[in-house]
Amino acid sequence: MALDLAPIMPWVAAVLSLLALGDRVFSWFSSGEKALGDRLAKAENTLIAHDRRIQSVEGELDHLPNKDVLHRFELLLEKMSGRIDVMDASLKPIAATTTRLQRLLEEQAK
């Protein structure tokens, strides 16, 4: 008994054609996926670079004074300014005496 393949050959050809067509369609649809994957990889690299830059800036901000330190500094400057004003007021009589002594010495020198 000989096996006759002639009747099923059109069906095999049709199935193979459909598989080839399906493969082509799948390749066509997945080609955009590769481009999308490349864009995603590029975006990931950019995100990593930005994350590193942000971490570097945050590390530098930790060394800067905060508002409480600046407020204490302002209070200290105000206190020093008050002390300088008091010293200035107490030095005015000494400055006047020095001016009078200088005038006296100039008159005696003539």
N, C-alpha and C. Protein backbone atom coordinates (compact mmCIF):
# COMPACT_ATOMS: atom_id res chain seq x y z
N MET A 1 0.84 -1.15 0.00
CA MET A 1 0.00 0.00 0.00
C MET A 1 0.90 1.23 0.00
N ALA A 2 0.75 2.09 -0.95
CA ALA A 2 1.55 3.30 -1.12
C ALA A 2 0.79 4.48 -0.55
N LEU A 3 1.56 5.32 0.12
CA LEU A 3 0.96 6.50 0.73
C LEU A 3 0.94 7.63 -0.31
N ASP A 4 -0.23 8.11 -0.58
CA ASP A 4 -0.39 9.16 -1.59
C ASP A 4 -0.49 10.51 -0.87
N LEU A 5 0.51 11.41 -1.05
CA LEU A 5 0.55 12.72 -0.39
C LEU A 5 -0.05 13.83 -1.23
N ALA A 6 -0.42 13.55 -2.39
CA ALA A 6 -0.94 14.56 -3.31
C ALA A 6 -2.17 15.27 -2.76
N PRO A 7 -3.12 14.58 -2.14
CA PRO A 7 -4.30 15.31 -1.66
C PRO A 7 -3.99 16.28 -0.51
N ILE A 8 -2.99 16.01 0.31
CA ILE A 8 -2.73 16.90 1.46
C ILE A 8 -1.69 17.97 1.15
N MET A 9 -1.02 17.88 0.02
CA MET A 9 -0.01 18.86 -0.34
C MET A 9 -0.55 20.29 -0.43
N PRO A 10 -1.72 20.53 -1.00
CA PRO A 10 -2.24 21.91 -1.00
C PRO A 10 -2.47 22.43 0.41
N TRP A 11 -2.91 21.54 1.31
CA TRP A 11 -3.14 21.96 2.68
C TRP A 11 -1.82 22.27 3.39
N VAL A 12 -0.81 21.47 3.16
CA VAL A 12 0.51 21.71 3.75
C VAL A 12 1.07 23.02 3.21
N ALA A 13 0.92 23.25 1.93
CA ALA A 13 1.40 24.50 1.33
C ALA A 13 0.66 25.70 1.91
N ALA A 14 -0.64 25.56 2.11
CA ALA A 14 -1.44 26.66 2.68
C ALA A 14 -1.01 26.95 4.12
N VAL A 15 -0.79 25.90 4.89
CA VAL A 15 -0.37 26.09 6.29
C VAL A 15 1.01 26.75 6.34
N LEU A 16 1.94 26.29 5.50
CA LEU A 16 3.27 26.90 5.46
C LEU A 16 3.20 28.36 5.01
N SER A 17 2.35 28.64 4.05
CA SER A 17 2.17 30.02 3.60
C SER A 17 1.62 30.90 4.71
N LEU A 18 0.64 30.38 5.45
CA LEU A 18 0.06 31.14 6.56
C LEU A 18 1.10 31.37 7.67
N LEU A 19 1.92 30.35 7.93
CA LEU A 19 2.98 30.51 8.93
C LEU A 19 4.00 31.57 8.49
N ALA A 20 4.37 31.57 7.24
CA ALA A 20 5.31 32.56 6.72
C ALA A 20 4.70 33.96 6.79
N LEU A 21 3.42 34.05 6.43
CA LEU A 21 2.73 35.33 6.51
C LEU A 21 2.65 35.81 7.96
N GLY A 22 2.32 34.89 8.87
CA GLY A 22 2.25 35.24 10.29
C GLY A 22 3.59 35.70 10.82
N ASP A 23 4.67 35.03 10.38
CA ASP A 23 6.01 35.43 10.80
C ASP A 23 6.35 36.82 10.29
N ARG A 24 5.98 37.12 9.05
CA ARG A 24 6.25 38.43 8.46
C ARG A 24 5.48 39.52 9.21
N VAL A 25 4.21 39.24 9.53
CA VAL A 25 3.39 40.21 10.26
C VAL A 25 3.96 40.44 11.66
N PHE A 26 4.36 39.35 12.32
CA PHE A 26 4.95 39.47 13.65
C PHE A 26 6.23 40.29 13.60
N SER A 27 7.07 40.06 12.61
CA SER A 27 8.32 40.82 12.45
C SER A 27 8.02 42.29 12.21
N TRP A 28 7.00 42.55 11.39
CA TRP A 28 6.65 43.93 11.10
C TRP A 28 6.19 44.64 12.37
N PHE A 29 5.35 43.98 13.18
CA PHE A 29 4.86 44.59 14.41
C PHE A 29 5.96 44.71 15.47
N SER A 30 6.88 43.79 15.53
CA SER A 30 7.92 43.84 16.55
C SER A 30 9.08 44.73 16.16
N SER A 31 9.15 45.21 14.93
CA SER A 31 10.23 46.12 14.54
C SER A 31 10.12 47.43 15.29
N GLY A 32 8.94 47.90 15.55
CA GLY A 32 8.74 49.11 16.35
C GLY A 32 9.11 48.88 17.80
N GLU A 33 8.99 47.65 18.22
CA GLU A 33 9.33 47.29 19.59
C GLU A 33 10.83 47.48 19.83
N LYS A 34 11.64 47.14 18.85
CA LYS A 34 13.09 47.31 18.98
C LYS A 34 13.44 48.79 19.08
N ALA A 35 12.83 49.60 18.25
CA ALA A 35 13.08 51.04 18.30
C ALA A 35 12.63 51.60 19.64
N LEU A 36 11.50 51.11 20.12
CA LEU A 36 11.00 51.54 21.43
C LEU A 36 11.96 51.11 22.53
N GLY A 37 12.51 49.92 22.41
CA GLY A 37 13.48 49.44 23.39
C GLY A 37 14.73 50.31 23.40
N ASP A 38 15.17 50.73 22.22
CA ASP A 38 16.34 51.62 22.14
C ASP A 38 16.04 52.97 22.79
N ARG A 39 14.87 53.50 22.52
CA ARG A 39 14.48 54.78 23.13
C ARG A 39 14.38 54.65 24.64
N LEU A 40 13.86 53.52 25.10
CA LEU A 40 13.74 53.29 26.54
C LEU A 40 15.12 53.20 27.19
N ALA A 41 16.06 52.52 26.53
CA ALA A 41 17.42 52.42 27.07
C ALA A 41 18.07 53.79 27.14
N LYS A 42 17.87 54.62 26.12
CA LYS A 42 18.43 55.98 26.12
C LYS A 42 17.81 56.82 27.25
N ALA A 43 16.50 56.70 27.43
CA ALA A 43 15.82 57.43 28.49
C ALA A 43 16.30 56.96 29.86
N GLU A 44 16.55 55.67 30.01
CA GLU A 44 17.07 55.14 31.27
C GLU A 44 18.45 55.71 31.58
N ASN A 45 19.30 55.77 30.56
CA ASN A 45 20.64 56.32 30.76
C ASN A 45 20.57 57.80 31.16
N THR A 46 19.67 58.54 30.53
CA THR A 46 19.49 59.95 30.87
C THR A 46 18.99 60.09 32.31
N LEU A 47 18.05 59.24 32.68
CA LEU A 47 17.51 59.27 34.03
C LEU A 47 18.58 58.96 35.07
N ILE A 48 19.44 58.01 34.77
CA ILE A 48 20.53 57.66 35.69
C ILE A 48 21.49 58.84 35.82
N ALA A 49 21.80 59.49 34.69
CA ALA A 49 22.69 60.66 34.73
C ALA A 49 22.09 61.78 35.57
N HIS A 50 20.80 62.03 35.40
CA HIS A 50 20.12 63.07 36.18
C HIS A 50 20.09 62.71 37.66
N ASP A 51 19.88 61.44 37.96
CA ASP A 51 19.86 61.00 39.35
C ASP A 51 21.21 61.24 40.01
N ARG A 52 22.29 60.97 39.29
CA ARG A 52 23.63 61.20 39.84
C ARG A 52 23.86 62.69 40.09
N ARG A 53 23.41 63.52 39.14
CA ARG A 53 23.59 64.96 39.32
C ARG A 53 22.79 65.48 40.51
N ILE A 54 21.58 64.97 40.68
CA ILE A 54 20.73 65.38 41.81
C ILE A 54 21.38 64.95 43.12
N GLN A 55 21.91 63.74 43.17
CA GLN A 55 22.58 63.28 44.39
C GLN A 55 23.78 64.15 44.71
N SER A 56 24.51 64.55 43.69
CA SER A 56 25.68 65.41 43.92
C SER A 56 25.24 66.77 44.48
N VAL A 57 24.18 67.34 43.92
CA VAL A 57 23.69 68.64 44.42
C VAL A 57 23.17 68.50 45.84
N GLU A 58 22.45 67.43 46.13
CA GLU A 58 21.95 67.22 47.49
C GLU A 58 23.10 67.05 48.47
N GLY A 59 24.17 66.39 48.05
CA GLY A 59 25.33 66.23 48.91
C GLY A 59 25.97 67.57 49.22
N GLU A 60 26.01 68.46 48.24
CA GLU A 60 26.58 69.79 48.48
C GLU A 60 25.67 70.64 49.35
N LEU A 61 24.36 70.48 49.20
CA LEU A 61 23.42 71.27 50.00
C LEU A 61 23.50 70.93 51.48
N ASP A 62 23.94 69.70 51.80
CA ASP A 62 24.06 69.32 53.20
C ASP A 62 25.12 70.15 53.92
N HIS A 63 26.11 70.68 53.19
CA HIS A 63 27.18 71.44 53.81
C HIS A 63 26.83 72.92 53.97
N LEU A 64 25.79 73.37 53.33
CA LEU A 64 25.41 74.79 53.41
C LEU A 64 24.62 75.06 54.68
N PRO A 65 24.70 76.28 55.19
CA PRO A 65 23.94 76.60 56.41
C PRO A 65 22.44 76.64 56.13
N ASN A 66 21.67 76.25 57.13
CA ASN A 66 20.22 76.28 56.99
C ASN A 66 19.69 77.59 57.58
N LYS A 67 18.38 77.73 57.63
CA LYS A 67 17.79 79.00 58.06
C LYS A 67 18.05 79.29 59.53
N ASP A 68 18.16 78.25 60.38
CA ASP A 68 18.42 78.47 61.80
C ASP A 68 19.84 79.02 62.02
N VAL A 69 20.80 78.47 61.30
CA VAL A 69 22.17 78.95 61.43
C VAL A 69 22.27 80.39 60.94
N LEU A 70 21.62 80.70 59.83
CA LEU A 70 21.64 82.08 59.32
C LEU A 70 20.96 83.04 60.29
N HIS A 71 19.89 82.59 60.94
CA HIS A 71 19.19 83.45 61.90
C HIS A 71 20.09 83.74 63.10
N ARG A 72 20.81 82.72 63.59
CA ARG A 72 21.74 82.94 64.71
C ARG A 72 22.86 83.89 64.29
N PHE A 73 23.31 83.76 63.06
CA PHE A 73 24.36 84.65 62.55
C PHE A 73 23.85 86.09 62.49
N GLU A 74 22.63 86.27 62.04
CA GLU A 74 22.05 87.63 61.99
C GLU A 74 21.94 88.21 63.40
N LEU A 75 21.51 87.40 64.37
CA LEU A 75 21.41 87.90 65.74
C LEU A 75 22.78 88.29 66.29
N LEU A 76 23.79 87.48 65.98
CA LEU A 76 25.14 87.78 66.44
C LEU A 76 25.65 89.07 65.82
N LEU A 77 25.39 89.27 64.54
CA LEU A 77 25.81 90.51 63.88
C LEU A 77 25.11 91.73 64.48
N GLU A 78 23.83 91.58 64.79
CA GLU A 78 23.09 92.69 65.40
C GLU A 78 23.66 93.01 66.78
N LYS A 79 24.01 91.98 67.53
CA LYS A 79 24.60 92.17 68.85
C LYS A 79 25.95 92.87 68.74
N MET A 80 26.75 92.46 67.77
CA MET A 80 28.05 93.09 67.56
C MET A 80 27.89 94.55 67.13
N SER A 81 26.88 94.81 66.31
CA SER A 81 26.63 96.17 65.86
C SER A 81 26.27 97.06 67.05
N GLY A 82 25.48 96.52 67.95
CA GLY A 82 25.13 97.28 69.15
C GLY A 82 26.36 97.58 70.00
N ARG A 83 27.23 96.61 70.13
CA ARG A 83 28.45 96.82 70.91
C ARG A 83 29.35 97.87 70.25
N ILE A 84 29.41 97.85 68.93
CA ILE A 84 30.23 98.84 68.22
C ILE A 84 29.64 100.24 68.41
N ASP A 85 28.31 100.35 68.40
CA ASP A 85 27.67 101.65 68.63
C ASP A 85 28.00 102.16 70.04
N VAL A 86 28.00 101.27 71.02
CA VAL A 86 28.34 101.67 72.39
C VAL A 86 29.80 102.10 72.46
N MET A 87 30.67 101.34 71.81
CA MET A 87 32.09 101.70 71.82
C MET A 87 32.31 103.04 71.12
N ASP A 88 31.57 103.27 70.04
CA ASP A 88 31.70 104.53 69.30
C ASP A 88 31.28 105.69 70.19
N ALA A 89 30.19 105.50 70.93
CA ALA A 89 29.73 106.56 71.82
C ALA A 89 30.75 106.80 72.94
N SER A 90 31.38 105.74 73.42
CA SER A 90 32.35 105.92 74.51
C SER A 90 33.68 106.48 73.98
N LEU A 91 33.95 106.34 72.72
CA LEU A 91 35.20 106.86 72.16
C LEU A 91 35.09 108.33 71.71
N LYS A 92 33.90 108.86 71.61
CA LYS A 92 33.73 110.24 71.16
C LYS A 92 34.43 111.24 72.09
N PRO A 93 34.30 111.10 73.42
CA PRO A 93 35.03 112.05 74.27
C PRO A 93 36.55 111.94 74.11
N ILE A 94 37.03 110.71 73.90
CA ILE A 94 38.47 110.52 73.72
C ILE A 94 38.91 111.17 72.41
N ALA A 95 38.11 111.05 71.37
CA ALA A 95 38.43 111.68 70.09
C ALA A 95 38.44 113.19 70.22
N ALA A 96 37.49 113.73 70.99
CA ALA A 96 37.45 115.18 71.18
C ALA A 96 38.68 115.65 71.95
N THR A 97 39.07 114.93 72.98
CA THR A 97 40.27 115.28 73.76
C THR A 97 41.51 115.22 72.89
N THR A 98 41.59 114.19 72.05
CA THR A 98 42.75 114.06 71.16
C THR A 98 42.81 115.22 70.19
N THR A 99 41.68 115.65 69.68
CA THR A 99 41.63 116.78 68.75
C THR A 99 42.10 118.05 69.45
N ARG A 100 41.64 118.25 70.71
CA ARG A 100 42.05 119.45 71.46
C ARG A 100 43.55 119.42 71.75
N LEU A 101 44.08 118.24 72.10
CA LEU A 101 45.51 118.13 72.36
C LEU A 101 46.33 118.40 71.10
N GLN A 102 45.83 117.93 69.96
CA GLN A 102 46.54 118.17 68.69
C GLN A 102 46.57 119.65 68.38
N ARG A 103 45.45 120.33 68.58
CA ARG A 103 45.40 121.78 68.33
C ARG A 103 46.36 122.52 69.26
N LEU A 104 46.38 122.08 70.54
CA LEU A 104 47.27 122.71 71.52
C LEU A 104 48.72 122.53 71.10
N LEU A 105 49.07 121.30 70.68
CA LEU A 105 50.44 121.04 70.28
C LEU A 105 50.81 121.82 69.02
N GLU A 106 49.86 121.97 68.10
CA GLU A 106 50.12 122.76 66.89
C GLU A 106 50.35 124.23 67.23
N GLU A 107 49.56 124.75 68.18
CA GLU A 107 49.71 126.16 68.58
C GLU A 107 51.05 126.37 69.30
N GLN A 108 51.45 125.38 70.12
CA GLN A 108 52.72 125.49 70.83
C GLN A 108 53.91 125.36 69.85
N ALA A 109 53.70 124.62 68.77
CA ALA A 109 54.77 124.43 67.82
C ALA A 109 55.02 125.71 67.02
N LYS A 110 54.03 126.57 66.88
CA LYS A 110 54.19 127.81 66.11
C LYS A 110 54.96 128.76 66.93
